């Protein structure tokens, strides 16, 4: 996994601020591969309760994390009861690593 301990802590803290203690965070995509180079940070935030304005939350979360990670691009997915599941959600859960 190609994230620093500080970045993992930052992601977990930010996730809790946005969604509460019950959020589960999964890193997926190229950052899971220790041999890959570069790439954005792909994150899935699974929340057991409906999320108000999920698109707005994704944008704000992505922006905050990107700024905190020195401008690195951060792609955010939300899994919640009121969010339509897409194939990418399944891929993230199957191939990702829990943070």
Protein backbone atom coordinates (compact mmCIF):
# COMPACT_ATOMS: atom_id res chain seq x y z
CA UNK A 1 0.00 0.00 0.00
CA UNK A 2 1.47 3.32 -1.05
CA UNK A 3 0.23 5.73 1.61
CA UNK A 4 2.16 7.11 4.54
CA UNK A 5 1.01 6.47 8.09
CA UNK A 6 0.29 10.20 8.36
CA UNK A 7 -1.95 10.09 5.28
CA UNK A 8 -3.81 7.06 6.62
CA UNK A 9 -4.40 8.84 9.93
CA UNK A 10 -5.55 11.95 8.07
CA UNK A 11 -7.99 9.94 5.95
CA UNK A 12 -9.44 8.12 8.97
CA UNK A 13 -9.82 11.35 10.97
CA UNK A 14 -11.49 13.14 8.07
CA UNK A 15 -13.79 10.17 7.44
CA UNK A 16 -14.92 10.22 11.07
CA UNK A 17 -15.53 13.98 10.90
CA UNK A 18 -17.70 13.58 7.81
CA UNK A 19 -19.55 10.35 8.62
CA UNK A 20 -19.08 9.41 12.28
CA UNK A 21 -17.39 6.52 14.01
CA UNK A 22 -19.12 3.75 12.05
CA UNK A 23 -17.60 4.65 8.67
CA UNK A 24 -15.38 2.04 6.99
CA UNK A 25 -12.69 3.29 4.62
CA UNK A 26 -11.24 1.22 1.79
CA UNK A 27 -8.26 2.17 -0.36
CA UNK A 28 -8.42 0.69 -3.86
CA UNK A 29 -6.86 1.21 -7.27
CA UNK A 30 -3.19 1.72 -8.07
CA UNK A 31 -2.23 2.86 -4.55
CA UNK A 32 -2.82 -0.68 -3.28
CA UNK A 33 -0.01 -1.95 -5.54
CA UNK A 34 3.40 -1.41 -3.93
CA UNK A 35 5.12 -1.79 -7.31
CA UNK A 36 3.07 0.81 -9.21
CA UNK A 37 4.17 4.42 -9.52
CA UNK A 38 2.15 7.61 -9.26
CA UNK A 39 -1.60 7.52 -9.43
CA UNK A 40 -4.40 9.16 -7.56
CA UNK A 41 -5.82 8.02 -4.25
CA UNK A 42 -9.07 6.06 -4.67
CA UNK A 43 -11.18 5.75 -1.53
CA UNK A 44 -14.51 4.13 -0.73
CA UNK A 45 -16.33 5.34 2.38
CA UNK A 46 -18.99 2.83 3.47
CA UNK A 47 -21.57 4.34 5.79
CA UNK A 48 -24.39 2.26 7.37
CA UNK A 49 -26.89 5.14 7.37
CA UNK A 50 -28.27 7.38 4.60
CA UNK A 51 -25.99 10.28 3.65
CA UNK A 52 -27.51 13.70 3.05
CA UNK A 53 -26.39 15.23 -0.27
CA UNK A 54 -23.93 12.44 -1.15
CA UNK A 55 -22.57 14.15 -4.29
CA UNK A 56 -21.79 17.32 -2.35
CA UNK A 57 -20.18 15.28 0.46
CA UNK A 58 -18.00 13.43 -2.07
CA UNK A 59 -16.83 16.71 -3.61
CA UNK A 60 -16.08 18.32 -0.25
CA UNK A 61 -14.32 15.24 1.08
CA UNK A 62 -12.23 14.88 -2.06
CA UNK A 63 -11.27 18.55 -1.96
CA UNK A 64 -10.32 18.54 1.71
CA UNK A 65 -8.21 15.40 1.42
CA UNK A 66 -6.53 16.62 -1.77
CA UNK A 67 -5.51 19.90 -0.12
CA UNK A 68 -4.23 18.08 2.97
CA UNK A 69 -2.23 15.67 0.79
CA UNK A 70 -0.33 18.42 -1.05
CA UNK A 71 -2.64 18.54 -4.05
CA UNK A 72 -2.63 14.82 -4.80
CA UNK A 73 -5.82 13.87 -6.62
CA UNK A 74 -8.27 12.00 -4.39
CA UNK A 75 -11.27 10.17 -5.87
CA UNK A 76 -14.08 9.45 -3.43
CA UNK A 77 -16.92 6.93 -3.54
CA UNK A 78 -19.63 6.66 -0.93
CA UNK A 79 -21.50 3.49 -0.15
CA UNK A 80 -24.70 4.17 1.80
CA UNK A 81 -28.29 2.89 1.85
CA UNK A 82 -29.46 5.87 -0.22
CA UNK A 83 -26.63 5.77 -2.79
CA UNK A 84 -27.04 3.66 -5.94
CA UNK A 85 -24.45 0.89 -6.10
CA UNK A 86 -22.31 0.93 -9.22
CA UNK A 87 -19.89 -1.75 -10.46
CA UNK A 88 -16.98 0.33 -9.10
CA UNK A 89 -18.30 -0.15 -5.55
CA UNK A 90 -18.02 -3.92 -5.94
CA UNK A 91 -14.53 -3.64 -7.44
CA UNK A 92 -13.38 -1.41 -4.58
CA UNK A 93 -14.68 -3.84 -1.95
CA UNK A 94 -13.17 -6.88 -3.68
CA UNK A 95 -9.74 -5.47 -4.48
CA UNK A 96 -9.26 -2.79 -1.84
CA UNK A 97 -7.53 -2.65 1.50
CA UNK A 98 -9.30 -1.47 4.67
CA UNK A 99 -7.71 1.55 6.32
